[in-house]
């Protein structure tokens, strides 16, 4: 399942958590289970190759709970919407 727009929000949250922890890219890579160049790509907003599911796993590794809530859309809207609340 792909949640459009969510990957960018996840990257933003990951970036904030990594900065909060004052981790080097090498330390972040070890924590996330990826190599340092991939951390560098994440920090620069390059999301190619990072699925939404993988972004969720990174957030879990950073100590975040990820909760997905699915509910019926409001009657007034023409279509449903996706949002990330951090």
N, C-alpha and C. Protein backbone atom coordinates (compact mmCIF):
# COMPACT_ATOMS: atom_id res chain seq x y z
N UNK A 1 0.85 -1.18 0.00
CA UNK A 1 0.00 0.00 0.00
C UNK A 1 0.89 1.24 0.00
N UNK A 2 0.59 2.18 -0.85
CA UNK A 2 1.34 3.44 -0.90
C UNK A 2 0.44 4.55 -0.40
N UNK A 3 0.97 5.31 0.55
CA UNK A 3 0.24 6.47 1.06
C UNK A 3 0.91 7.70 0.49
N UNK A 4 0.33 8.29 -0.53
CA UNK A 4 0.94 9.43 -1.20
C UNK A 4 1.10 10.60 -0.24
N UNK A 5 2.26 11.24 -0.31
CA UNK A 5 2.52 12.40 0.52
C UNK A 5 3.04 12.05 1.91
N UNK A 6 2.88 10.82 2.32
CA UNK A 6 3.28 10.43 3.67
C UNK A 6 4.80 10.30 3.78
N UNK A 7 5.45 9.81 2.73
CA UNK A 7 6.91 9.62 2.78
C UNK A 7 7.63 10.93 3.07
N UNK A 8 7.19 11.99 2.44
CA UNK A 8 7.81 13.30 2.69
C UNK A 8 7.64 13.74 4.13
N UNK A 9 6.47 13.52 4.68
CA UNK A 9 6.23 13.87 6.08
C UNK A 9 7.09 13.00 7.00
N UNK A 10 7.20 11.71 6.68
CA UNK A 10 8.04 10.81 7.48
C UNK A 10 9.49 11.27 7.45
N UNK A 11 9.96 11.67 6.28
CA UNK A 11 11.34 12.14 6.17
C UNK A 11 11.56 13.37 7.03
N UNK A 12 10.60 14.26 7.02
CA UNK A 12 10.70 15.47 7.83
C UNK A 12 10.77 15.14 9.32
N UNK A 13 9.93 14.21 9.75
CA UNK A 13 9.92 13.79 11.16
C UNK A 13 11.25 13.11 11.51
N UNK A 14 11.72 12.22 10.62
CA UNK A 14 12.99 11.53 10.85
C UNK A 14 14.12 12.55 10.99
N UNK A 15 14.14 13.51 10.09
CA UNK A 15 15.17 14.54 10.11
C UNK A 15 15.17 15.25 11.46
N UNK A 16 14.00 15.62 11.94
CA UNK A 16 13.88 16.30 13.23
C UNK A 16 14.41 15.44 14.37
N UNK A 17 14.02 14.16 14.38
CA UNK A 17 14.46 13.27 15.45
C UNK A 17 15.96 13.04 15.41
N UNK A 18 16.53 12.93 14.22
CA UNK A 18 17.97 12.74 14.10
C UNK A 18 18.71 13.97 14.60
N UNK A 19 18.22 15.15 14.27
CA UNK A 19 18.85 16.39 14.74
C UNK A 19 18.73 16.52 16.26
N UNK A 20 17.56 16.17 16.80
CA UNK A 20 17.34 16.22 18.26
C UNK A 20 18.34 15.36 19.00
N UNK A 21 18.66 14.21 18.45
CA UNK A 21 19.55 13.26 19.11
C UNK A 21 21.02 13.59 18.91
N UNK A 22 21.32 14.56 18.08
CA UNK A 22 22.70 14.96 17.79
C UNK A 22 23.54 13.77 17.32
N UNK A 23 22.94 12.95 16.45
CA UNK A 23 23.64 11.78 15.92
C UNK A 23 24.45 12.16 14.69
N UNK A 24 25.61 11.55 14.55
CA UNK A 24 26.32 11.67 13.30
C UNK A 24 25.59 10.81 12.28
N UNK A 25 25.88 11.01 11.02
CA UNK A 25 25.24 10.18 9.99
C UNK A 25 25.65 8.72 10.14
N UNK A 26 26.86 8.48 10.59
CA UNK A 26 27.32 7.11 10.80
C UNK A 26 26.55 6.45 11.94
N UNK A 27 26.34 7.20 13.04
CA UNK A 27 25.56 6.67 14.17
C UNK A 27 24.11 6.43 13.76
N UNK A 28 23.55 7.37 12.99
CA UNK A 28 22.17 7.22 12.52
C UNK A 28 22.05 6.00 11.61
N UNK A 29 23.04 5.80 10.76
CA UNK A 29 23.02 4.65 9.86
C UNK A 29 22.99 3.34 10.64
N UNK A 30 23.80 3.27 11.69
CA UNK A 30 23.82 2.06 12.52
C UNK A 30 22.47 1.84 13.19
N UNK A 31 21.89 2.90 13.72
CA UNK A 31 20.59 2.82 14.39
C UNK A 31 19.48 2.39 13.43
N UNK A 32 19.52 2.93 12.20
CA UNK A 32 18.47 2.65 11.22
C UNK A 32 18.72 1.38 10.42
N UNK A 33 19.92 0.84 10.52
CA UNK A 33 20.23 -0.38 9.79
C UNK A 33 20.48 -0.15 8.31
N UNK A 34 21.00 1.03 7.97
CA UNK A 34 21.32 1.35 6.58
C UNK A 34 22.74 1.91 6.56
N UNK A 35 23.26 2.16 5.36
CA UNK A 35 24.61 2.73 5.31
C UNK A 35 24.57 4.26 5.34
N UNK A 36 25.71 4.86 5.63
CA UNK A 36 25.80 6.31 5.79
C UNK A 36 25.36 7.09 4.55
N UNK A 37 25.72 6.65 3.33
CA UNK A 37 25.24 7.40 2.16
C UNK A 37 23.71 7.47 2.06
N UNK A 38 23.02 6.43 2.53
CA UNK A 38 21.55 6.45 2.51
C UNK A 38 21.02 7.43 3.55
N UNK A 39 21.69 7.55 4.69
CA UNK A 39 21.29 8.56 5.69
C UNK A 39 21.48 9.94 5.08
N UNK A 40 22.59 10.14 4.41
CA UNK A 40 22.85 11.42 3.76
C UNK A 40 21.75 11.74 2.75
N UNK A 41 21.35 10.76 1.96
CA UNK A 41 20.27 10.96 0.98
C UNK A 41 18.97 11.33 1.69
N UNK A 42 18.65 10.62 2.79
CA UNK A 42 17.44 10.93 3.56
C UNK A 42 17.47 12.37 4.06
N UNK A 43 18.61 12.77 4.61
CA UNK A 43 18.73 14.11 5.19
C UNK A 43 18.61 15.20 4.11
N UNK A 44 18.92 14.85 2.87
CA UNK A 44 18.81 15.80 1.77
C UNK A 44 17.47 15.71 1.06
N UNK A 45 16.57 14.87 1.59
CA UNK A 45 15.23 14.78 1.01
C UNK A 45 15.12 13.87 -0.20
N UNK A 46 16.15 13.08 -0.45
CA UNK A 46 16.13 12.15 -1.57
C UNK A 46 15.44 10.86 -1.12
N UNK A 47 14.20 10.67 -1.51
CA UNK A 47 13.40 9.55 -1.00
C UNK A 47 13.35 8.37 -1.95
N UNK A 48 14.00 8.46 -3.09
CA UNK A 48 13.99 7.36 -4.04
C UNK A 48 14.55 6.10 -3.37
N UNK A 49 13.80 5.03 -3.44
CA UNK A 49 14.25 3.78 -2.84
C UNK A 49 13.79 3.57 -1.40
N UNK A 50 13.09 4.55 -0.84
CA UNK A 50 12.59 4.43 0.53
C UNK A 50 11.06 4.34 0.49
N UNK A 51 10.53 3.15 0.74
CA UNK A 51 9.08 2.97 0.75
C UNK A 51 8.49 3.59 2.00
N UNK A 52 7.20 3.78 1.98
CA UNK A 52 6.50 4.29 3.15
C UNK A 52 6.71 3.34 4.33
N UNK A 53 6.63 2.06 4.07
CA UNK A 53 6.82 1.07 5.14
C UNK A 53 8.22 1.18 5.74
N UNK A 54 9.20 1.38 4.89
CA UNK A 54 10.58 1.52 5.39
C UNK A 54 10.71 2.78 6.23
N UNK A 55 10.08 3.86 5.80
CA UNK A 55 10.09 5.10 6.58
C UNK A 55 9.47 4.88 7.96
N UNK A 56 8.39 4.10 8.01
CA UNK A 56 7.76 3.79 9.29
C UNK A 56 8.73 3.01 10.18
N UNK A 57 9.46 2.06 9.60
CA UNK A 57 10.44 1.29 10.39
C UNK A 57 11.54 2.19 10.92
N UNK A 58 11.96 3.17 10.12
CA UNK A 58 12.98 4.12 10.59
C UNK A 58 12.44 4.90 11.78
N UNK A 59 11.19 5.35 11.70
CA UNK A 59 10.59 6.07 12.81
C UNK A 59 10.53 5.19 14.07
N UNK A 60 10.19 3.91 13.90
CA UNK A 60 10.18 2.98 15.04
C UNK A 60 11.57 2.88 15.65
N UNK A 61 12.60 2.79 14.81
CA UNK A 61 13.97 2.69 15.30
C UNK A 61 14.39 3.94 16.06
N UNK A 62 13.77 5.08 15.71
CA UNK A 62 14.07 6.34 16.39
C UNK A 62 13.23 6.53 17.65
N UNK A 63 12.44 5.50 18.01
CA UNK A 63 11.65 5.56 19.24
C UNK A 63 10.26 6.13 19.07
N UNK A 64 9.79 6.20 17.84
CA UNK A 64 8.45 6.73 17.57
C UNK A 64 7.46 5.58 17.37
N UNK A 65 6.25 5.77 17.85
CA UNK A 65 5.16 4.88 17.50
C UNK A 65 4.53 5.44 16.23
N UNK A 66 4.16 4.56 15.32
CA UNK A 66 3.47 4.96 14.10
C UNK A 66 2.07 4.36 14.17
N UNK A 67 1.08 5.20 14.08
CA UNK A 67 -0.30 4.75 14.18
C UNK A 67 -1.04 5.16 12.92
N UNK A 68 -1.70 4.20 12.29
CA UNK A 68 -2.48 4.48 11.08
C UNK A 68 -3.94 4.29 11.43
N UNK A 69 -4.72 5.33 11.21
CA UNK A 69 -6.15 5.28 11.51
C UNK A 69 -6.91 5.43 10.20
N UNK A 70 -7.78 4.48 9.93
CA UNK A 70 -8.62 4.54 8.74
C UNK A 70 -10.05 4.75 9.20
N UNK A 71 -10.70 5.77 8.64
CA UNK A 71 -12.09 6.04 9.01
C UNK A 71 -12.84 6.51 7.78
N UNK A 72 -14.12 6.47 7.86
CA UNK A 72 -14.95 6.93 6.75
C UNK A 72 -14.75 8.43 6.56
N UNK A 73 -14.78 8.86 5.31
CA UNK A 73 -14.61 10.28 5.02
C UNK A 73 -15.84 11.06 5.45
N UNK A 74 -15.64 12.36 5.60
CA UNK A 74 -16.79 13.20 5.94
C UNK A 74 -17.74 13.24 4.75
N UNK A 75 -18.99 13.45 5.02
CA UNK A 75 -20.00 13.45 3.96
C UNK A 75 -19.82 14.60 2.98
N UNK A 76 -19.25 15.71 3.46
CA UNK A 76 -19.14 16.89 2.61
C UNK A 76 -18.02 16.78 1.57
N UNK A 77 -17.01 15.98 1.81
CA UNK A 77 -15.88 15.89 0.89
C UNK A 77 -16.16 14.96 -0.28
N UNK A 78 -15.59 15.28 -1.43
CA UNK A 78 -15.77 14.46 -2.62
C UNK A 78 -14.93 13.19 -2.55
N UNK A 79 -13.78 13.29 -1.91
CA UNK A 79 -12.93 12.11 -1.78
C UNK A 79 -12.27 12.13 -0.40
N UNK A 80 -11.70 11.00 -0.04
CA UNK A 80 -11.01 10.90 1.24
C UNK A 80 -9.71 11.66 1.20
N UNK A 81 -9.02 11.77 2.34
CA UNK A 81 -7.76 12.49 2.40
C UNK A 81 -6.77 11.70 3.28
N UNK A 82 -5.52 12.01 3.11
CA UNK A 82 -4.46 11.41 3.91
C UNK A 82 -3.71 12.53 4.60
N UNK A 83 -3.46 12.37 5.90
CA UNK A 83 -2.69 13.39 6.61
C UNK A 83 -1.80 12.73 7.64
N UNK A 84 -0.71 13.39 7.95
CA UNK A 84 0.23 12.92 8.96
C UNK A 84 0.23 13.94 10.08
N UNK A 85 0.04 13.48 11.29
CA UNK A 85 0.03 14.34 12.46
C UNK A 85 1.22 13.94 13.33
N UNK A 86 2.09 14.88 13.57
CA UNK A 86 3.28 14.56 14.39
C UNK A 86 3.29 15.40 15.65
